[in-house]
Amino acid sequence: MSSPESGYALVDPAPVFAALGDATRLELVSRLSDGQARSIAQLTGGLRLTRQGVTKHLRVLEHAGIVNSVRVGRESQFTYVPERMEQVQSYLETVSRQWDDALSRLKSFVER
């Protein structure tokens, strides 16, 4: 997907973008972004979804590396993984620089 010369990690950002393309999952990430671990029951509060529905969304986020889960007794506790979002931010910054460079070259070419 990328090379060391490209400036960003060899991590595919597409699953993160796909996972964040849903309002419910964005809400779950927002709730977890304070760093506190929460159970499915705690995360379900205020959402118009069943625990099973929330669990499915959490599994998508977990597959994308945005959240982690740990089994505590009979419950799973979910936590936010900021490093994954930092990787995606780095990717976006690299792409932005590449576009800025390309537009600068185009501007110079047009002005000649």
N, C-alpha and C. Protein backbone atom coordinates (compact mmCIF):
# COMPACT_ATOMS: atom_id res chain seq x y z
N MET A 1 0.82 -1.18 0.00
CA MET A 1 0.00 0.00 0.00
C MET A 1 0.86 1.24 0.00
N SER A 2 1.93 1.26 0.76
CA SER A 2 2.82 2.42 0.77
C SER A 2 4.24 1.94 0.94
N SER A 3 5.14 2.86 0.75
CA SER A 3 6.55 2.52 0.90
C SER A 3 7.16 3.41 1.95
N PRO A 4 8.33 3.04 2.47
CA PRO A 4 8.96 3.89 3.48
C PRO A 4 9.22 5.31 2.96
N GLU A 5 9.43 5.46 1.63
CA GLU A 5 9.70 6.79 1.10
C GLU A 5 8.45 7.67 1.10
N SER A 6 7.27 7.08 1.19
CA SER A 6 6.05 7.85 1.08
C SER A 6 5.77 8.69 2.32
N GLY A 7 6.41 8.39 3.45
CA GLY A 7 6.28 9.23 4.62
C GLY A 7 5.24 8.78 5.62
N TYR A 8 4.52 7.71 5.37
CA TYR A 8 3.57 7.23 6.35
C TYR A 8 3.74 5.74 6.54
N ALA A 9 3.21 5.27 7.64
CA ALA A 9 3.41 3.88 8.05
C ALA A 9 2.77 2.92 7.05
N LEU A 10 3.27 1.70 7.05
CA LEU A 10 2.75 0.66 6.18
C LEU A 10 1.46 0.08 6.76
N VAL A 11 0.50 0.93 7.02
CA VAL A 11 -0.77 0.53 7.60
C VAL A 11 -1.87 1.04 6.68
N ASP A 12 -2.76 0.15 6.29
CA ASP A 12 -3.85 0.50 5.39
C ASP A 12 -4.89 1.35 6.14
N PRO A 13 -5.08 2.60 5.73
CA PRO A 13 -6.05 3.45 6.42
C PRO A 13 -7.49 3.20 6.00
N ALA A 14 -7.72 2.46 4.91
CA ALA A 14 -9.08 2.28 4.39
C ALA A 14 -10.06 1.70 5.41
N PRO A 15 -9.69 0.68 6.21
CA PRO A 15 -10.65 0.17 7.20
C PRO A 15 -11.07 1.23 8.22
N VAL A 16 -10.18 2.14 8.55
CA VAL A 16 -10.52 3.20 9.50
C VAL A 16 -11.55 4.13 8.87
N PHE A 17 -11.30 4.55 7.63
CA PHE A 17 -12.24 5.44 6.95
C PHE A 17 -13.61 4.76 6.80
N ALA A 18 -13.60 3.48 6.45
CA ALA A 18 -14.86 2.74 6.31
C ALA A 18 -15.59 2.66 7.64
N ALA A 19 -14.86 2.37 8.70
CA ALA A 19 -15.47 2.25 10.03
C ALA A 19 -16.04 3.58 10.51
N LEU A 20 -15.37 4.66 10.20
CA LEU A 20 -15.82 5.97 10.67
C LEU A 20 -16.89 6.57 9.77
N GLY A 21 -17.26 5.86 8.71
CA GLY A 21 -18.27 6.34 7.79
C GLY A 21 -19.69 6.07 8.25
N ASP A 22 -19.88 5.86 9.52
CA ASP A 22 -21.19 5.58 10.09
C ASP A 22 -21.40 6.43 11.33
N ALA A 23 -22.54 7.09 11.41
CA ALA A 23 -22.81 8.02 12.53
C ALA A 23 -22.78 7.33 13.89
N THR A 24 -23.29 6.11 13.97
CA THR A 24 -23.30 5.39 15.24
C THR A 24 -21.87 5.08 15.69
N ARG A 25 -21.04 4.64 14.76
CA ARG A 25 -19.66 4.33 15.12
C ARG A 25 -18.90 5.60 15.51
N LEU A 26 -19.17 6.70 14.83
CA LEU A 26 -18.55 7.97 15.24
C LEU A 26 -18.96 8.34 16.66
N GLU A 27 -20.21 8.13 16.99
CA GLU A 27 -20.69 8.40 18.35
C GLU A 27 -19.99 7.51 19.37
N LEU A 28 -19.82 6.24 19.05
CA LEU A 28 -19.14 5.32 19.96
C LEU A 28 -17.68 5.73 20.17
N VAL A 29 -17.01 6.13 19.09
CA VAL A 29 -15.62 6.59 19.21
C VAL A 29 -15.58 7.85 20.08
N SER A 30 -16.52 8.74 19.87
CA SER A 30 -16.58 9.97 20.68
C SER A 30 -16.74 9.63 22.16
N ARG A 31 -17.60 8.68 22.46
CA ARG A 31 -17.82 8.29 23.86
C ARG A 31 -16.58 7.65 24.48
N LEU A 32 -15.81 6.95 23.67
CA LEU A 32 -14.62 6.26 24.19
C LEU A 32 -13.37 7.13 24.16
N SER A 33 -13.40 8.24 23.45
CA SER A 33 -12.18 9.03 23.24
C SER A 33 -11.66 9.70 24.50
N ASP A 34 -12.40 9.65 25.60
CA ASP A 34 -11.89 10.22 26.86
C ASP A 34 -10.93 9.28 27.57
N GLY A 35 -10.73 8.08 26.99
CA GLY A 35 -9.76 7.14 27.56
C GLY A 35 -10.33 6.18 28.58
N GLN A 36 -11.60 6.33 28.93
CA GLN A 36 -12.22 5.45 29.92
C GLN A 36 -12.74 4.19 29.24
N ALA A 37 -12.46 3.03 29.82
CA ALA A 37 -13.00 1.76 29.32
C ALA A 37 -14.48 1.71 29.66
N ARG A 38 -15.27 1.20 28.72
CA ARG A 38 -16.71 1.10 28.94
C ARG A 38 -17.23 -0.24 28.44
N SER A 39 -18.26 -0.71 29.12
CA SER A 39 -18.92 -1.95 28.71
C SER A 39 -19.94 -1.63 27.61
N ILE A 40 -20.43 -2.68 26.99
CA ILE A 40 -21.46 -2.51 25.97
C ILE A 40 -22.70 -1.87 26.58
N ALA A 41 -23.05 -2.28 27.80
CA ALA A 41 -24.22 -1.70 28.47
C ALA A 41 -24.03 -0.19 28.66
N GLN A 42 -22.85 0.22 29.07
CA GLN A 42 -22.59 1.65 29.26
C GLN A 42 -22.63 2.41 27.93
N LEU A 43 -22.15 1.79 26.88
CA LEU A 43 -22.12 2.45 25.58
C LEU A 43 -23.49 2.49 24.91
N THR A 44 -24.36 1.58 25.28
CA THR A 44 -25.69 1.52 24.68
C THR A 44 -26.59 2.66 25.16
N GLY A 45 -26.34 3.17 26.36
CA GLY A 45 -27.17 4.22 26.94
C GLY A 45 -27.31 5.42 26.01
N GLY A 46 -28.56 5.80 25.73
CA GLY A 46 -28.82 6.97 24.91
C GLY A 46 -28.83 6.69 23.42
N LEU A 47 -28.47 5.49 23.01
CA LEU A 47 -28.52 5.12 21.59
C LEU A 47 -29.81 4.35 21.31
N ARG A 48 -30.31 4.49 20.13
CA ARG A 48 -31.53 3.76 19.75
C ARG A 48 -31.16 2.41 19.12
N LEU A 49 -30.29 1.70 19.80
CA LEU A 49 -29.84 0.39 19.33
C LEU A 49 -29.86 -0.59 20.48
N THR A 50 -30.00 -1.85 20.11
CA THR A 50 -29.89 -2.91 21.11
C THR A 50 -28.41 -3.12 21.44
N ARG A 51 -28.17 -3.86 22.48
CA ARG A 51 -26.78 -4.21 22.82
C ARG A 51 -26.14 -4.98 21.67
N GLN A 52 -26.92 -5.85 21.03
CA GLN A 52 -26.40 -6.61 19.90
C GLN A 52 -26.00 -5.68 18.76
N GLY A 53 -26.80 -4.65 18.50
CA GLY A 53 -26.48 -3.68 17.46
C GLY A 53 -25.21 -2.90 17.78
N VAL A 54 -25.08 -2.48 19.03
CA VAL A 54 -23.88 -1.76 19.46
C VAL A 54 -22.66 -2.68 19.36
N THR A 55 -22.84 -3.94 19.74
CA THR A 55 -21.74 -4.90 19.66
C THR A 55 -21.24 -5.03 18.23
N LYS A 56 -22.14 -5.10 17.27
CA LYS A 56 -21.73 -5.21 15.87
C LYS A 56 -20.91 -3.99 15.44
N HIS A 57 -21.34 -2.80 15.84
CA HIS A 57 -20.59 -1.59 15.51
C HIS A 57 -19.21 -1.60 16.19
N LEU A 58 -19.17 -2.04 17.43
CA LEU A 58 -17.89 -2.10 18.14
C LEU A 58 -16.93 -3.09 17.49
N ARG A 59 -17.44 -4.18 16.97
CA ARG A 59 -16.58 -5.16 16.30
C ARG A 59 -15.98 -4.58 15.02
N VAL A 60 -16.75 -3.76 14.30
CA VAL A 60 -16.22 -3.08 13.11
C VAL A 60 -15.10 -2.14 13.52
N LEU A 61 -15.32 -1.38 14.59
CA LEU A 61 -14.28 -0.47 15.09
C LEU A 61 -13.06 -1.23 15.57
N GLU A 62 -13.28 -2.36 16.19
CA GLU A 62 -12.17 -3.18 16.68
C GLU A 62 -11.38 -3.76 15.50
N HIS A 63 -12.07 -4.23 14.49
CA HIS A 63 -11.41 -4.78 13.30
C HIS A 63 -10.55 -3.71 12.62
N ALA A 64 -11.00 -2.46 12.66
CA ALA A 64 -10.25 -1.35 12.06
C ALA A 64 -9.11 -0.87 12.96
N GLY A 65 -9.05 -1.39 14.19
CA GLY A 65 -7.98 -1.01 15.12
C GLY A 65 -8.24 0.27 15.89
N ILE A 66 -9.48 0.74 15.86
CA ILE A 66 -9.83 2.00 16.53
C ILE A 66 -10.15 1.77 18.01
N VAL A 67 -10.67 0.60 18.34
CA VAL A 67 -10.94 0.24 19.73
C VAL A 67 -10.37 -1.14 20.02
N ASN A 68 -10.13 -1.39 21.28
CA ASN A 68 -9.72 -2.71 21.77
C ASN A 68 -10.77 -3.18 22.76
N SER A 69 -10.87 -4.48 22.90
CA SER A 69 -11.76 -5.02 23.93
C SER A 69 -10.98 -5.98 24.81
N VAL A 70 -11.38 -6.00 26.07
CA VAL A 70 -10.80 -6.90 27.06
C VAL A 70 -11.96 -7.52 27.82
N ARG A 71 -11.89 -8.81 27.99
CA ARG A 71 -12.94 -9.50 28.73
C ARG A 71 -12.68 -9.32 30.22
N VAL A 72 -13.69 -8.82 30.94
CA VAL A 72 -13.63 -8.64 32.39
C VAL A 72 -14.85 -9.36 32.96
N GLY A 73 -14.62 -10.54 33.48
CA GLY A 73 -15.75 -11.35 33.95
C GLY A 73 -16.63 -11.74 32.78
N ARG A 74 -17.90 -11.39 32.88
CA ARG A 74 -18.85 -11.73 31.81
C ARG A 74 -18.99 -10.61 30.79
N GLU A 75 -18.31 -9.50 31.01
CA GLU A 75 -18.44 -8.35 30.12
C GLU A 75 -17.17 -8.10 29.32
N SER A 76 -17.37 -7.46 28.20
CA SER A 76 -16.24 -6.94 27.43
C SER A 76 -16.15 -5.45 27.72
N GLN A 77 -14.95 -4.98 27.98
CA GLN A 77 -14.69 -3.56 28.18
C GLN A 77 -13.98 -3.04 26.93
N PHE A 78 -14.46 -1.93 26.40
CA PHE A 78 -13.89 -1.36 25.18
C PHE A 78 -13.15 -0.08 25.50
N THR A 79 -12.00 0.08 24.85
CA THR A 79 -11.20 1.29 25.00
C THR A 79 -10.79 1.80 23.63
N TYR A 80 -10.59 3.09 23.56
CA TYR A 80 -10.16 3.78 22.35
C TYR A 80 -8.66 3.58 22.15
N VAL A 81 -8.23 3.43 20.89
CA VAL A 81 -6.82 3.26 20.56
C VAL A 81 -6.36 4.50 19.78
N PRO A 82 -5.82 5.50 20.48
CA PRO A 82 -5.45 6.75 19.80
C PRO A 82 -4.33 6.57 18.77
N GLU A 83 -3.47 5.58 18.96
CA GLU A 83 -2.36 5.38 18.03
C GLU A 83 -2.85 5.10 16.61
N ARG A 84 -3.94 4.39 16.49
CA ARG A 84 -4.48 4.08 15.16
C ARG A 84 -4.94 5.35 14.46
N MET A 85 -5.58 6.22 15.20
CA MET A 85 -6.03 7.48 14.61
C MET A 85 -4.84 8.38 14.29
N GLU A 86 -3.79 8.30 15.09
CA GLU A 86 -2.57 9.07 14.81
C GLU A 86 -1.93 8.59 13.51
N GLN A 87 -1.96 7.28 13.26
CA GLN A 87 -1.44 6.74 12.01
C GLN A 87 -2.23 7.29 10.82
N VAL A 88 -3.54 7.32 10.95
CA VAL A 88 -4.38 7.82 9.87
C VAL A 88 -4.17 9.32 9.69
N GLN A 89 -4.01 10.04 10.78
CA GLN A 89 -3.73 11.48 10.68
C GLN A 89 -2.42 11.71 9.94
N SER A 90 -1.41 10.92 10.24
CA SER A 90 -0.13 11.03 9.56
C SER A 90 -0.29 10.75 8.06
N TYR A 91 -1.08 9.74 7.74
CA TYR A 91 -1.37 9.42 6.35
C TYR A 91 -2.02 10.62 5.64
N LEU A 92 -3.03 11.21 6.28
CA LEU A 92 -3.73 12.35 5.68
C LEU A 92 -2.80 13.56 5.51
N GLU A 93 -1.92 13.77 6.47
CA GLU A 93 -0.95 14.87 6.35
C GLU A 93 -0.01 14.63 5.17
N THR A 94 0.40 13.40 4.96
CA THR A 94 1.26 13.06 3.83
C THR A 94 0.53 13.30 2.51
N VAL A 95 -0.70 12.83 2.43
CA VAL A 95 -1.49 13.03 1.21
C VAL A 95 -1.70 14.52 0.96
N SER A 96 -1.95 15.27 2.01
CA SER A 96 -2.14 16.72 1.88
C SER A 96 -0.88 17.39 1.33
N ARG A 97 0.27 16.99 1.87
CA ARG A 97 1.54 17.56 1.37
C ARG A 97 1.75 17.21 -0.11
N GLN A 98 1.42 15.97 -0.47
CA GLN A 98 1.57 15.56 -1.86
C GLN A 98 0.68 16.40 -2.79
N TRP A 99 -0.55 16.66 -2.37
CA TRP A 99 -1.45 17.49 -3.16
C TRP A 99 -0.94 18.92 -3.23
N ASP A 100 -0.47 19.46 -2.11
CA ASP A 100 0.07 20.82 -2.10
C ASP A 100 1.25 20.93 -3.07
N ASP A 101 2.13 19.93 -3.05
CA ASP A 101 3.28 19.92 -3.97
C ASP A 101 2.82 19.85 -5.43
N ALA A 102 1.85 18.99 -5.70
CA ALA A 102 1.35 18.85 -7.08
C ALA A 102 0.69 20.14 -7.55
N LEU A 103 -0.09 20.77 -6.70
CA LEU A 103 -0.73 22.04 -7.08
C LEU A 103 0.29 23.15 -7.27
N SER A 104 1.33 23.15 -6.46
CA SER A 104 2.40 24.14 -6.61
C SER A 104 3.12 23.97 -7.94
N ARG A 105 3.39 22.71 -8.30
CA ARG A 105 4.03 22.45 -9.59
C ARG A 105 3.13 22.86 -10.75
N LEU A 106 1.84 22.59 -10.63
CA LEU A 106 0.88 22.97 -11.67
C LEU A 106 0.81 24.49 -11.80
N LYS A 107 0.79 25.18 -10.67
CA LYS A 107 0.75 26.64 -10.69
C LYS A 107 1.99 27.19 -11.39
N SER A 108 3.16 26.67 -11.04
CA SER A 108 4.40 27.12 -11.68
C SER A 108 4.37 26.86 -13.18
N PHE A 109 3.85 25.70 -13.58
CA PHE A 109 3.77 25.36 -14.99
C PHE A 109 2.84 26.32 -15.73
N VAL A 110 1.68 26.61 -15.16
CA VAL A 110 0.70 27.49 -15.79
C VAL A 110 1.22 28.92 -15.88
N GLU A 111 1.96 29.36 -14.88
CA GLU A 111 2.47 30.74 -14.86
C GLU A 111 3.65 30.93 -15.80
N ARG A 112 4.28 29.86 -16.28
CA ARG A 112 5.41 30.00 -17.20
C ARG A 112 5.00 30.40 -18.54
